[in-house]
Amino acid sequence: MSEPEVFHVPDWHVGQCQSGTWRKVGSGELQIATAQATGWRFPGATATCPTGKRVTGGGGICTSRTGYIWLTRSFPSANNSWSAACDTTEDQNGSITVYAICQ
């Protein structure tokens, strides 16, 4: 007889996988915290979760009125914040919006 297949469909609204175990990382509903910044050549910002919430993900969007701009870094900077930064091809102002997914 063949072994029964075991398949688990994760519920992405519940938590995240830590060492092979799914667990909820915070309490309550998800919230999105944002931070914006404009800077010469290398804009960067940090979005911080409200008190009592932990960061479960995040990202950033870079914008420029002229030339090219791209996301160079995007990472959890603490257990309750997400940081991101951009770079431009020319000496110009660029803007960034950083998003922290909080639970």
C-alpha atoms as a PDB file:
ATOM      1  CA  MET A   1       0.000   0.000   0.000  1.00  0.00           C
ATOM      2  CA  SER A   2       1.194   3.462  -0.753  1.00  0.00           C
ATOM      3  CA  GLU A   3       1.586   6.117   1.896  1.00  0.00           C
ATOM      4  CA  PRO A   4      -1.161   8.763   2.010  1.00  0.00           C
ATOM      5  CA  GLU A   5      -0.080  12.122   0.661  1.00  0.00           C
ATOM      6  CA  VAL A   6       0.100  14.904   3.193  1.00  0.00           C
ATOM      7  CA  PHE A   7      -0.485  18.352   1.768  1.00  0.00           C
ATOM      8  CA  HIS A   8      -0.996  21.569   3.688  1.00  0.00           C
ATOM      9  CA  VAL A   9      -2.349  24.670   1.993  1.00  0.00           C
ATOM     10  CA  PRO A  10      -1.075  27.588   4.093  1.00  0.00           C
ATOM     11  CA  ASP A  11      -3.508  30.276   5.184  1.00  0.00           C
ATOM     12  CA  TRP A  12      -1.498  33.394   4.353  1.00  0.00           C
ATOM     13  CA  HIS A  13      -3.733  35.470   6.647  1.00  0.00           C
ATOM     14  CA  VAL A  14      -2.765  33.551   9.776  1.00  0.00           C
ATOM     15  CA  GLY A  15       0.998  33.868  10.126  1.00  0.00           C
ATOM     16  CA  GLN A  16       4.335  32.894   8.725  1.00  0.00           C
ATOM     17  CA  CYS A  17       6.469  29.777   8.633  1.00  0.00           C
ATOM     18  CA  GLN A  18       9.248  29.654  11.228  1.00  0.00           C
ATOM     19  CA  SER A  19      11.482  26.567  11.192  1.00  0.00           C
ATOM     20  CA  GLY A  20       8.786  24.517   9.480  1.00  0.00           C
ATOM     21  CA  THR A  21       6.050  25.520  11.933  1.00  0.00           C
ATOM     22  CA  TRP A  22       3.268  27.918  11.012  1.00  0.00           C
ATOM     23  CA  ARG A  23       2.507  30.398  13.742  1.00  0.00           C
ATOM     24  CA  LYS A  24       0.745  33.700  14.138  1.00  0.00           C
ATOM     25  CA  VAL A  25       3.236  36.498  14.731  1.00  0.00           C
ATOM     26  CA  GLY A  26       1.064  39.269  16.071  1.00  0.00           C
ATOM     27  CA  SER A  27      -2.405  39.944  17.242  1.00  0.00           C
ATOM     28  CA  GLY A  28      -5.368  41.435  15.467  1.00  0.00           C
ATOM     29  CA  GLU A  29      -5.888  42.515  11.904  1.00  0.00           C
ATOM     30  CA  LEU A  30      -3.202  43.450   9.413  1.00  0.00           C
ATOM     31  CA  GLN A  31      -2.341  47.134   9.070  1.00  0.00           C
ATOM     32  CA  ILE A  32      -0.160  48.881   6.500  1.00  0.00           C
ATOM     33  CA  ALA A  33       2.173  51.591   7.825  1.00  0.00           C
ATOM     34  CA  THR A  34       3.817  53.966   5.330  1.00  0.00           C
ATOM     35  CA  ALA A  35       6.663  56.467   5.274  1.00  0.00           C
ATOM     36  CA  GLN A  36       7.705  58.826   2.482  1.00  0.00           C
ATOM     37  CA  ALA A  37      10.901  60.712   1.739  1.00  0.00           C
ATOM     38  CA  THR A  38      12.468  62.764  -1.030  1.00  0.00           C
ATOM     39  CA  GLY A  39      16.210  63.070  -1.333  1.00  0.00           C
ATOM     40  CA  TRP A  40      19.102  63.860  -3.623  1.00  0.00           C
ATOM     41  CA  ARG A  41      20.224  60.697  -5.443  1.00  0.00           C
ATOM     42  CA  PHE A  42      19.670  58.154  -2.583  1.00  0.00           C
ATOM     43  CA  PRO A  43      16.237  58.627  -0.944  1.00  0.00           C
ATOM     44  CA  GLY A  44      15.448  56.225   1.901  1.00  0.00           C
ATOM     45  CA  ALA A  45      12.805  55.870   4.613  1.00  0.00           C
ATOM     46  CA  THR A  46      11.562  53.588   7.394  1.00  0.00           C
ATOM     47  CA  ALA A  47       7.897  52.706   8.000  1.00  0.00           C
ATOM     48  CA  THR A  48       7.126  51.822  11.621  1.00  0.00           C
ATOM     49  CA  CYS A  49       4.213  49.694  12.827  1.00  0.00           C
ATOM     50  CA  PRO A  50       1.777  51.048  15.430  1.00  0.00           C
ATOM     51  CA  THR A  51       2.462  50.184  19.072  1.00  0.00           C
ATOM     52  CA  GLY A  52       1.834  46.512  19.794  1.00  0.00           C
ATOM     53  CA  LYS A  53       2.170  45.402  16.150  1.00  0.00           C
ATOM     54  CA  ARG A  54       5.067  43.509  14.553  1.00  0.00           C
ATOM     55  CA  VAL A  55       6.251  43.745  10.969  1.00  0.00           C
ATOM     56  CA  THR A  56       5.441  40.673   8.845  1.00  0.00           C
ATOM     57  CA  GLY A  57       6.548  42.050   5.465  1.00  0.00           C
ATOM     58  CA  GLY A  58       7.059  45.203   3.492  1.00  0.00           C
ATOM     59  CA  GLY A  59       8.473  46.895   0.429  1.00  0.00           C
ATOM     60  CA  GLY A  60       9.054  50.188  -1.300  1.00  0.00           C
ATOM     61  CA  ILE A  61       8.248  52.153  -4.440  1.00  0.00           C
ATOM     62  CA  CYS A  62      10.707  54.627  -5.981  1.00  0.00           C
ATOM     63  CA  THR A  63       9.671  57.515  -8.240  1.00  0.00           C
ATOM     64  CA  SER A  64      11.513  60.205 -10.185  1.00  0.00           C
ATOM     65  CA  ARG A  65      10.332  62.915 -12.553  1.00  0.00           C
ATOM     66  CA  THR A  66      13.387  62.494 -14.802  1.00  0.00           C
ATOM     67  CA  GLY A  67      15.830  59.681 -15.495  1.00  0.00           C
ATOM     68  CA  TYR A  68      15.831  56.216 -13.982  1.00  0.00           C
ATOM     69  CA  ILE A  69      15.394  55.227 -10.344  1.00  0.00           C
ATOM     70  CA  TRP A  70      15.357  51.787  -8.763  1.00  0.00           C
ATOM     71  CA  LEU A  71      14.933  50.102  -5.391  1.00  0.00           C
ATOM     72  CA  THR A  72      18.339  49.160  -3.944  1.00  0.00           C
ATOM     73  CA  ARG A  73      17.391  47.914  -0.473  1.00  0.00           C
ATOM     74  CA  SER A  74      14.214  46.617   1.167  1.00  0.00           C
ATOM     75  CA  PHE A  75      14.454  44.842   4.523  1.00  0.00           C
ATOM     76  CA  PRO A  76      12.977  44.508   8.032  1.00  0.00           C
ATOM     77  CA  SER A  77      14.990  47.000  10.091  1.00  0.00           C
ATOM     78  CA  ALA A  78      13.559  45.944  13.471  1.00  0.00           C
ATOM     79  CA  ASN A  79      10.750  43.696  14.695  1.00  0.00           C
ATOM     80  CA  ASN A  80       8.321  46.571  14.134  1.00  0.00           C
ATOM     81  CA  SER A  81       9.680  48.437  11.075  1.00  0.00           C
ATOM     82  CA  TRP A  82      10.635  48.093   7.397  1.00  0.00           C
ATOM     83  CA  SER A  83      13.295  50.172   5.613  1.00  0.00           C
ATOM     84  CA  ALA A  84      13.968  50.733   1.924  1.00  0.00           C
ATOM     85  CA  ALA A  85      16.141  52.966  -0.258  1.00  0.00           C
ATOM     86  CA  CYS A  86      16.545  53.943  -3.920  1.00  0.00           C
ATOM     87  CA  ASP A  87      19.280  55.084  -6.299  1.00  0.00           C
ATOM     88  CA  THR A  88      19.093  57.277  -9.402  1.00  0.00           C
ATOM     89  CA  THR A  89      21.226  57.253 -12.544  1.00  0.00           C
ATOM     90  CA  GLU A  90      21.862  60.969 -12.339  1.00  0.00           C
ATOM     91  CA  ASP A  91      22.287  63.606  -9.686  1.00  0.00           C
ATOM     92  CA  GLN A  92      18.615  64.327  -9.188  1.00  0.00           C
ATOM     93  CA  ASN A  93      15.880  64.211  -6.587  1.00  0.00           C
ATOM     94  CA  GLY A  94      14.016  60.957  -6.122  1.00  0.00           C
ATOM     95  CA  SER A  95      11.148  59.921  -3.875  1.00  0.00           C
ATOM     96  CA  ILE A  96      10.349  56.725  -2.020  1.00  0.00           C
ATOM     97  CA  THR A  97       7.286  55.342  -0.287  1.00  0.00           C
ATOM     98  CA  VAL A  98       7.990  52.492   2.140  1.00  0.00           C
ATOM     99  CA  TYR A  99       5.298  50.046   3.272  1.00  0.00           C
ATOM    100  CA  ALA A 100       5.355  47.910   6.422  1.00  0.00           C
ATOM    101  CA  ILE A 101       2.796  45.105   6.745  1.00  0.00           C
ATOM    102  CA  CYS A 102       1.987  44.949  10.442  1.00  0.00           C
ATOM    103  CA  GLN A 103       0.123  42.439  12.581  1.00  0.00           C
END
